[in-house]
């Protein structure tokens, strides 16, 4: 699996998770103004993310995932509770992007956040080519082993 395919697959997985989460919660568009606003922000970022991915612009992708983290942090508790499950994937993608640019400390920190939001896919983590550099760090491997 190449880097772009892995990122596209994970991005689609995140969007499906969000849709399933919202359906399971019984929330429809427009019922909660705060959630509706957050979803509109995510939709805007997702459009820009698709462009960045098509252009293989990893710097812009990292900026956009960071933007999602900032947007999430600014939400009221009810929105955070509903949207929390997608944040594991957001932080995982940040770990990947930081690893790709050689920022092992940043990758470890982001992966730790991903775990805190419920990321638990050990096999994917161990086979993701984006994390090759991060997996060379014992701190990263200790975190990965915690979800084995």
N, C-alpha and C. Protein backbone atom coordinates (compact mmCIF):
# COMPACT_ATOMS: atom_id res chain seq x y z
N UNK A 1 0.85 -1.17 0.00
CA UNK A 1 0.00 0.00 0.00
C UNK A 1 0.90 1.24 0.00
N UNK A 2 0.70 2.15 -0.96
CA UNK A 2 1.53 3.35 -0.99
C UNK A 2 0.96 4.41 -0.06
N UNK A 3 1.73 5.50 0.13
CA UNK A 3 1.36 6.54 1.09
C UNK A 3 0.01 7.16 0.76
N UNK A 4 -0.21 7.53 -0.50
CA UNK A 4 -1.47 8.19 -0.86
C UNK A 4 -2.66 7.27 -0.67
N UNK A 5 -2.52 6.01 -1.04
CA UNK A 5 -3.61 5.06 -0.87
C UNK A 5 -3.94 4.89 0.61
N UNK A 6 -2.91 4.79 1.43
CA UNK A 6 -3.12 4.62 2.88
C UNK A 6 -3.84 5.83 3.46
N UNK A 7 -3.44 7.04 3.08
CA UNK A 7 -4.07 8.25 3.60
C UNK A 7 -5.52 8.36 3.11
N UNK A 8 -5.76 8.07 1.84
CA UNK A 8 -7.12 8.15 1.29
C UNK A 8 -8.02 7.13 1.98
N UNK A 9 -7.50 5.93 2.20
CA UNK A 9 -8.28 4.88 2.86
C UNK A 9 -8.64 5.30 4.28
N UNK A 10 -7.69 5.87 4.99
CA UNK A 10 -7.94 6.29 6.36
C UNK A 10 -8.90 7.47 6.40
N UNK A 11 -8.78 8.42 5.49
CA UNK A 11 -9.67 9.57 5.46
C UNK A 11 -11.11 9.11 5.21
N UNK A 12 -11.30 8.17 4.28
CA UNK A 12 -12.64 7.64 4.02
C UNK A 12 -13.17 6.90 5.25
N UNK A 13 -12.30 6.18 5.93
CA UNK A 13 -12.70 5.47 7.14
C UNK A 13 -13.20 6.46 8.19
N UNK A 14 -12.50 7.59 8.32
CA UNK A 14 -12.91 8.60 9.29
C UNK A 14 -14.27 9.19 8.96
N UNK A 15 -14.52 9.49 7.69
CA UNK A 15 -15.79 10.07 7.29
C UNK A 15 -16.92 9.07 7.54
N UNK A 16 -16.68 7.79 7.26
CA UNK A 16 -17.69 6.77 7.52
C UNK A 16 -17.96 6.65 9.02
N UNK A 17 -16.90 6.76 9.83
CA UNK A 17 -17.07 6.70 11.28
C UNK A 17 -17.95 7.84 11.77
N UNK A 18 -17.70 9.03 11.25
CA UNK A 18 -18.48 10.19 11.67
C UNK A 18 -19.94 10.02 11.28
N UNK A 19 -20.19 9.57 10.05
CA UNK A 19 -21.56 9.37 9.60
C UNK A 19 -22.27 8.32 10.46
N UNK A 20 -21.59 7.21 10.72
CA UNK A 20 -22.18 6.15 11.55
C UNK A 20 -22.43 6.65 12.97
N UNK A 21 -21.50 7.42 13.48
CA UNK A 21 -21.63 7.96 14.82
C UNK A 21 -22.86 8.85 14.93
N UNK A 22 -23.02 9.72 13.96
CA UNK A 22 -24.15 10.64 13.99
C UNK A 22 -25.48 9.91 13.83
N UNK A 23 -25.50 8.91 12.97
CA UNK A 23 -26.72 8.12 12.80
C UNK A 23 -27.05 7.36 14.09
N UNK A 24 -26.02 6.77 14.68
CA UNK A 24 -26.24 6.01 15.92
C UNK A 24 -26.73 6.91 17.04
N UNK A 25 -26.27 8.14 17.05
CA UNK A 25 -26.67 9.08 18.09
C UNK A 25 -28.06 9.66 17.80
N UNK A 26 -28.60 9.38 16.62
CA UNK A 26 -29.93 9.88 16.29
C UNK A 26 -29.94 11.37 16.01
N UNK A 27 -28.83 11.89 15.58
CA UNK A 27 -28.72 13.32 15.35
C UNK A 27 -28.88 13.58 13.87
N UNK A 28 -29.79 14.47 13.53
CA UNK A 28 -29.91 14.84 12.14
C UNK A 28 -29.45 16.28 11.97
N UNK A 29 -29.06 16.56 10.75
CA UNK A 29 -28.53 17.88 10.41
C UNK A 29 -29.51 18.96 10.87
N UNK A 30 -29.04 19.92 11.61
CA UNK A 30 -29.85 21.07 11.99
C UNK A 30 -30.47 20.98 13.37
N UNK A 31 -30.49 19.81 14.01
CA UNK A 31 -31.13 19.70 15.32
C UNK A 31 -30.32 20.38 16.41
N UNK A 32 -29.03 20.33 16.33
CA UNK A 32 -28.14 20.93 17.32
C UNK A 32 -27.29 21.97 16.60
N UNK A 33 -27.54 23.25 16.85
CA UNK A 33 -26.81 24.30 16.12
C UNK A 33 -25.30 24.21 16.28
N UNK A 34 -24.83 23.84 17.47
CA UNK A 34 -23.38 23.73 17.68
C UNK A 34 -22.80 22.60 16.85
N UNK A 35 -23.49 21.46 16.87
CA UNK A 35 -23.02 20.32 16.10
C UNK A 35 -23.11 20.61 14.60
N UNK A 36 -24.20 21.24 14.18
CA UNK A 36 -24.35 21.60 12.77
C UNK A 36 -23.20 22.50 12.33
N UNK A 37 -22.84 23.46 13.16
CA UNK A 37 -21.73 24.36 12.83
C UNK A 37 -20.42 23.61 12.71
N UNK A 38 -20.19 22.68 13.62
CA UNK A 38 -18.95 21.89 13.57
C UNK A 38 -18.92 21.02 12.32
N UNK A 39 -20.05 20.39 12.00
CA UNK A 39 -20.11 19.56 10.80
C UNK A 39 -19.88 20.38 9.54
N UNK A 40 -20.40 21.59 9.52
CA UNK A 40 -20.16 22.46 8.36
C UNK A 40 -18.68 22.81 8.25
N UNK A 41 -18.04 23.06 9.39
CA UNK A 41 -16.60 23.34 9.38
C UNK A 41 -15.83 22.11 8.87
N UNK A 42 -16.21 20.93 9.33
CA UNK A 42 -15.55 19.70 8.88
C UNK A 42 -15.75 19.48 7.39
N UNK A 43 -16.94 19.78 6.91
CA UNK A 43 -17.22 19.62 5.48
C UNK A 43 -16.31 20.53 4.66
N UNK A 44 -16.12 21.75 5.14
CA UNK A 44 -15.23 22.68 4.45
C UNK A 44 -13.80 22.17 4.44
N UNK A 45 -13.33 21.69 5.59
CA UNK A 45 -11.97 21.17 5.68
C UNK A 45 -11.83 19.92 4.80
N UNK A 46 -12.85 19.07 4.79
CA UNK A 46 -12.78 17.85 3.99
C UNK A 46 -12.61 18.17 2.51
N UNK A 47 -13.28 19.21 2.02
CA UNK A 47 -13.10 19.61 0.63
C UNK A 47 -11.68 20.06 0.34
N UNK A 48 -11.12 20.83 1.25
CA UNK A 48 -9.74 21.27 1.08
C UNK A 48 -8.76 20.11 1.24
N UNK A 49 -9.14 19.14 2.11
CA UNK A 49 -8.29 17.97 2.31
C UNK A 49 -8.21 17.15 1.02
N UNK A 50 -9.34 17.00 0.34
CA UNK A 50 -9.35 16.24 -0.90
C UNK A 50 -8.41 16.87 -1.92
N UNK A 51 -8.42 18.18 -1.99
CA UNK A 51 -7.52 18.89 -2.91
C UNK A 51 -6.07 18.67 -2.51
N UNK A 52 -5.77 18.80 -1.23
CA UNK A 52 -4.40 18.60 -0.74
C UNK A 52 -3.93 17.17 -1.02
N UNK A 53 -4.82 16.20 -0.83
CA UNK A 53 -4.45 14.80 -1.08
C UNK A 53 -4.22 14.57 -2.57
N UNK A 54 -5.08 15.13 -3.40
CA UNK A 54 -4.90 14.99 -4.86
C UNK A 54 -3.60 15.60 -5.33
N UNK A 55 -3.18 16.67 -4.67
CA UNK A 55 -1.93 17.36 -5.02
C UNK A 55 -0.73 16.80 -4.26
N UNK A 56 -0.95 15.78 -3.42
CA UNK A 56 0.09 15.19 -2.57
C UNK A 56 0.81 16.28 -1.76
N UNK A 57 0.02 17.23 -1.26
CA UNK A 57 0.55 18.35 -0.48
C UNK A 57 0.47 18.00 1.00
N UNK A 58 1.49 17.30 1.46
CA UNK A 58 1.50 16.81 2.84
C UNK A 58 1.54 17.95 3.86
N UNK A 59 2.21 19.04 3.53
CA UNK A 59 2.24 20.18 4.45
C UNK A 59 0.83 20.73 4.65
N UNK A 60 0.08 20.87 3.58
CA UNK A 60 -1.30 21.37 3.69
C UNK A 60 -2.17 20.36 4.42
N UNK A 61 -1.95 19.07 4.17
CA UNK A 61 -2.72 18.05 4.89
C UNK A 61 -2.47 18.15 6.39
N UNK A 62 -1.22 18.32 6.77
CA UNK A 62 -0.91 18.46 8.20
C UNK A 62 -1.57 19.71 8.77
N UNK A 63 -1.52 20.80 8.02
CA UNK A 63 -2.17 22.03 8.47
C UNK A 63 -3.67 21.82 8.67
N UNK A 64 -4.30 21.09 7.75
CA UNK A 64 -5.74 20.87 7.83
C UNK A 64 -6.11 19.97 9.01
N UNK A 65 -5.33 18.91 9.23
CA UNK A 65 -5.60 18.07 10.40
C UNK A 65 -5.41 18.87 11.70
N UNK A 66 -4.42 19.73 11.71
CA UNK A 66 -4.21 20.59 12.88
C UNK A 66 -5.39 21.54 13.05
N UNK A 67 -5.92 22.03 11.95
CA UNK A 67 -7.10 22.90 11.99
C UNK A 67 -8.29 22.16 12.60
N UNK A 68 -8.45 20.88 12.26
CA UNK A 68 -9.54 20.09 12.84
C UNK A 68 -9.37 19.97 14.35
N UNK A 69 -8.13 19.75 14.79
CA UNK A 69 -7.86 19.65 16.23
C UNK A 69 -8.24 20.95 16.93
N UNK A 70 -7.86 22.08 16.35
CA UNK A 70 -8.18 23.38 16.95
C UNK A 70 -9.69 23.59 16.96
N UNK A 71 -10.36 23.26 15.86
CA UNK A 71 -11.82 23.41 15.80
C UNK A 71 -12.48 22.55 16.87
N UNK A 72 -12.02 21.32 17.00
CA UNK A 72 -12.58 20.40 17.99
C UNK A 72 -12.40 20.96 19.40
N UNK A 73 -11.21 21.45 19.68
CA UNK A 73 -10.91 21.98 21.02
C UNK A 73 -11.79 23.17 21.39
N UNK A 74 -12.31 23.86 20.39
CA UNK A 74 -13.14 25.05 20.63
C UNK A 74 -14.63 24.71 20.78
N UNK A 75 -14.99 23.46 20.63
CA UNK A 75 -16.39 23.06 20.68
C UNK A 75 -16.87 22.89 22.11
N UNK A 76 -18.19 23.08 22.31
CA UNK A 76 -18.75 22.78 23.64
C UNK A 76 -18.71 21.28 23.91
N UNK A 77 -18.87 20.92 25.16
CA UNK A 77 -18.76 19.54 25.59
C UNK A 77 -19.64 18.56 24.85
N UNK A 78 -20.86 18.96 24.53
CA UNK A 78 -21.78 18.04 23.84
C UNK A 78 -21.26 17.68 22.45
N UNK A 79 -20.68 18.64 21.76
CA UNK A 79 -20.14 18.38 20.43
C UNK A 79 -18.88 17.53 20.56
N UNK A 80 -18.04 17.86 21.53
CA UNK A 80 -16.82 17.06 21.73
C UNK A 80 -17.17 15.60 22.01
N UNK A 81 -18.18 15.38 22.82
CA UNK A 81 -18.57 14.01 23.17
C UNK A 81 -19.02 13.26 21.92
N UNK A 82 -19.80 13.90 21.07
CA UNK A 82 -20.30 13.27 19.86
C UNK A 82 -19.18 13.02 18.85
N UNK A 83 -18.27 13.99 18.72
CA UNK A 83 -17.23 13.92 17.68
C UNK A 83 -15.95 13.24 18.14
N UNK A 84 -15.80 12.95 19.41
CA UNK A 84 -14.55 12.39 19.93
C UNK A 84 -14.06 11.16 19.17
N UNK A 85 -14.94 10.24 18.75
CA UNK A 85 -14.44 9.04 18.07
C UNK A 85 -13.64 9.31 16.79
N UNK A 86 -13.90 10.41 16.10
CA UNK A 86 -13.13 10.66 14.88
C UNK A 86 -11.75 11.25 15.18
N UNK A 87 -11.56 11.74 16.39
CA UNK A 87 -10.30 12.41 16.71
C UNK A 87 -9.13 11.44 16.77
N UNK A 88 -9.37 10.17 17.07
CA UNK A 88 -8.29 9.19 17.04
C UNK A 88 -7.67 9.12 15.65
N UNK A 89 -8.52 9.11 14.63
CA UNK A 89 -8.02 9.08 13.25
C UNK A 89 -7.34 10.36 12.84
N UNK A 90 -7.85 11.48 13.33
CA UNK A 90 -7.22 12.77 13.02
C UNK A 90 -5.80 12.79 13.59
N UNK A 91 -5.67 12.41 14.85
CA UNK A 91 -4.35 12.40 15.48
C UNK A 91 -3.44 11.35 14.85
N UNK A 92 -4.01 10.20 14.45
CA UNK A 92 -3.22 9.18 13.77
C UNK A 92 -2.64 9.74 12.48
N UNK A 93 -3.47 10.44 11.71
CA UNK A 93 -2.98 11.05 10.46
C UNK A 93 -1.90 12.08 10.73
N UNK A 94 -2.04 12.83 11.81
CA UNK A 94 -0.98 13.77 12.16
C UNK A 94 0.31 13.03 12.49
N UNK A 95 0.20 11.90 13.18
CA UNK A 95 1.40 11.09 13.47
C UNK A 95 2.05 10.64 12.17
N UNK A 96 1.24 10.20 11.22
CA UNK A 96 1.77 9.76 9.92
C UNK A 96 2.50 10.89 9.21
N UNK A 97 1.86 12.02 9.12
CA UNK A 97 2.45 13.15 8.40
C UNK A 97 3.74 13.64 9.06
N UNK A 98 3.75 13.65 10.38
CA UNK A 98 4.96 14.07 11.09
C UNK A 98 6.08 13.05 10.90
N UNK A 99 5.73 11.77 10.90
CA UNK A 99 6.71 10.73 10.66
C UNK A 99 7.30 10.86 9.26
N UNK A 100 6.46 11.13 8.29
CA UNK A 100 6.93 11.27 6.91
C UNK A 100 7.94 12.40 6.74
N UNK A 101 7.79 13.46 7.53
CA UNK A 101 8.75 14.56 7.40
C UNK A 101 9.90 14.45 8.41
N UNK A 102 9.98 13.31 9.10
CA UNK A 102 11.11 13.05 9.99
C UNK A 102 10.98 13.62 11.38
N UNK A 103 9.81 14.11 11.75
CA UNK A 103 9.58 14.67 13.08
C UNK A 103 9.09 13.55 14.00
N UNK A 104 10.05 12.76 14.48
CA UNK A 104 9.70 11.60 15.31
C UNK A 104 9.06 12.02 16.62
N UNK A 105 9.57 13.07 17.25
CA UNK A 105 8.96 13.53 18.51
C UNK A 105 7.50 13.92 18.28
N UNK A 106 7.25 14.66 17.19
CA UNK A 106 5.88 15.06 16.87
C UNK A 106 5.00 13.87 16.56
N UNK A 107 5.56 12.87 15.87
CA UNK A 107 4.81 11.66 15.53
C UNK A 107 4.44 10.89 16.79
N UNK A 108 5.38 10.77 17.71
CA UNK A 108 5.11 10.06 18.97
C UNK A 108 4.04 10.79 19.76
N UNK A 109 4.16 12.11 19.86
CA UNK A 109 3.16 12.89 20.59
C UNK A 109 1.77 12.76 19.97
N UNK A 110 1.71 12.83 18.64
CA UNK A 110 0.41 12.71 17.95
C UNK A 110 -0.16 11.31 18.12
N UNK A 111 0.69 10.28 18.04
CA UNK A 111 0.21 8.92 18.20
C UNK A 111 -0.33 8.70 19.62
N UNK A 112 0.33 9.29 20.59
CA UNK A 112 -0.16 9.19 21.97
C UNK A 112 -1.56 9.81 22.09
N UNK A 113 -1.77 10.94 21.42
CA UNK A 113 -3.10 11.56 21.40
C UNK A 113 -4.11 10.64 20.71
N UNK A 114 -3.69 10.03 19.59
CA UNK A 114 -4.58 9.12 18.86
C UNK A 114 -5.05 7.99 19.78
N UNK A 115 -4.12 7.44 20.54
CA UNK A 115 -4.48 6.37 21.47
C UNK A 115 -5.46 6.86 22.52
N UNK A 116 -5.24 8.09 22.98
CA UNK A 116 -6.14 8.68 23.98
C UNK A 116 -7.57 8.84 23.47
N UNK A 117 -7.71 8.98 22.16
CA UNK A 117 -9.04 9.09 21.55
C UNK A 117 -9.54 7.76 21.01
N UNK A 118 -8.86 6.68 21.36
CA UNK A 118 -9.38 5.37 21.04
C UNK A 118 -8.80 4.66 19.83
N UNK A 119 -7.75 5.24 19.21
CA UNK A 119 -7.13 4.51 18.10
C UNK A 119 -6.62 3.18 18.64
N UNK A 120 -6.97 2.07 17.97
CA UNK A 120 -6.56 0.76 18.49
C UNK A 120 -6.24 -0.25 17.40
N UNK A 121 -5.94 0.21 16.22
CA UNK A 121 -5.68 -0.70 15.10
C UNK A 121 -4.18 -1.01 15.02
N UNK A 122 -3.77 -2.01 15.77
CA UNK A 122 -2.36 -2.38 15.85
C UNK A 122 -1.81 -2.81 14.49
N UNK A 123 -2.53 -3.69 13.81
CA UNK A 123 -2.05 -4.20 12.53
C UNK A 123 -1.86 -3.08 11.51
N UNK A 124 -2.81 -2.18 11.44
CA UNK A 124 -2.70 -1.06 10.50
C UNK A 124 -1.49 -0.19 10.86
N UNK A 125 -1.34 0.07 12.15
CA UNK A 125 -0.23 0.89 12.64
C UNK A 125 1.11 0.27 12.28
N UNK A 126 1.21 -1.02 12.43
CA UNK A 126 2.48 -1.69 12.20
C UNK A 126 2.80 -1.87 10.71
N UNK A 127 1.80 -1.76 9.85
CA UNK A 127 2.01 -1.94 8.42
C UNK A 127 1.93 -0.65 7.61
N UNK A 128 1.58 0.44 8.25
CA UNK A 128 1.42 1.71 7.54
C UNK A 128 2.79 2.25 7.13
N UNK A 129 3.04 2.39 5.83
CA UNK A 129 4.35 2.88 5.39
C UNK A 129 4.64 4.31 5.85
N UNK A 130 3.61 5.07 6.15
CA UNK A 130 3.81 6.44 6.61
C UNK A 130 4.50 6.49 7.97
N UNK A 131 4.38 5.43 8.74
CA UNK A 131 4.94 5.42 10.10
C UNK A 131 6.28 4.71 10.19
N UNK A 132 6.89 4.42 9.06
CA UNK A 132 8.17 3.70 9.05
C UNK A 132 9.20 4.37 9.96
N UNK A 133 9.37 5.66 9.82
CA UNK A 133 10.35 6.39 10.64
C UNK A 133 9.96 6.35 12.11
N UNK A 134 8.69 6.56 12.40
CA UNK A 134 8.23 6.56 13.80
C UNK A 134 8.45 5.20 14.45
N UNK A 135 8.24 4.13 13.69
CA UNK A 135 8.41 2.79 14.27
C UNK A 135 9.85 2.48 14.64
N UNK A 136 10.78 3.27 14.19
CA UNK A 136 12.19 3.09 14.58
C UNK A 136 12.47 3.65 15.97
N UNK A 137 11.51 4.37 16.53
CA UNK A 137 11.67 4.99 17.84
C UNK A 137 11.06 4.09 18.91
N UNK A 138 11.83 3.74 19.95
CA UNK A 138 11.29 2.85 20.99
C UNK A 138 10.08 3.42 21.72
N UNK A 139 9.98 4.75 21.81
CA UNK A 139 8.80 5.36 22.46
C UNK A 139 7.54 5.05 21.66
N UNK A 140 7.66 5.16 20.34
CA UNK A 140 6.52 4.86 19.48
C UNK A 140 6.14 3.39 19.61
N UNK A 141 7.14 2.54 19.57
CA UNK A 141 6.87 1.10 19.64
C UNK A 141 6.24 0.72 20.98
N UNK A 142 6.65 1.36 22.05
CA UNK A 142 6.03 1.07 23.35
C UNK A 142 4.55 1.45 23.33
N UNK A 143 4.25 2.58 22.71
CA UNK A 143 2.84 2.99 22.60
C UNK A 143 2.07 2.00 21.72
N UNK A 144 2.68 1.62 20.59
CA UNK A 144 2.02 0.68 19.69
C UNK A 144 1.77 -0.66 20.39
N UNK A 145 2.71 -1.11 21.15
CA UNK A 145 2.54 -2.39 21.87
C UNK A 145 1.39 -2.33 22.85
N UNK A 146 1.06 -1.14 23.32
CA UNK A 146 -0.04 -1.02 24.29
C UNK A 146 -1.40 -1.33 23.68
N UNK A 147 -1.49 -1.38 22.34
CA UNK A 147 -2.76 -1.71 21.70
C UNK A 147 -2.72 -3.07 21.00
N UNK A 148 -1.68 -3.78 21.23
CA UNK A 148 -1.52 -5.11 20.62
C UNK A 148 -2.54 -6.10 21.15
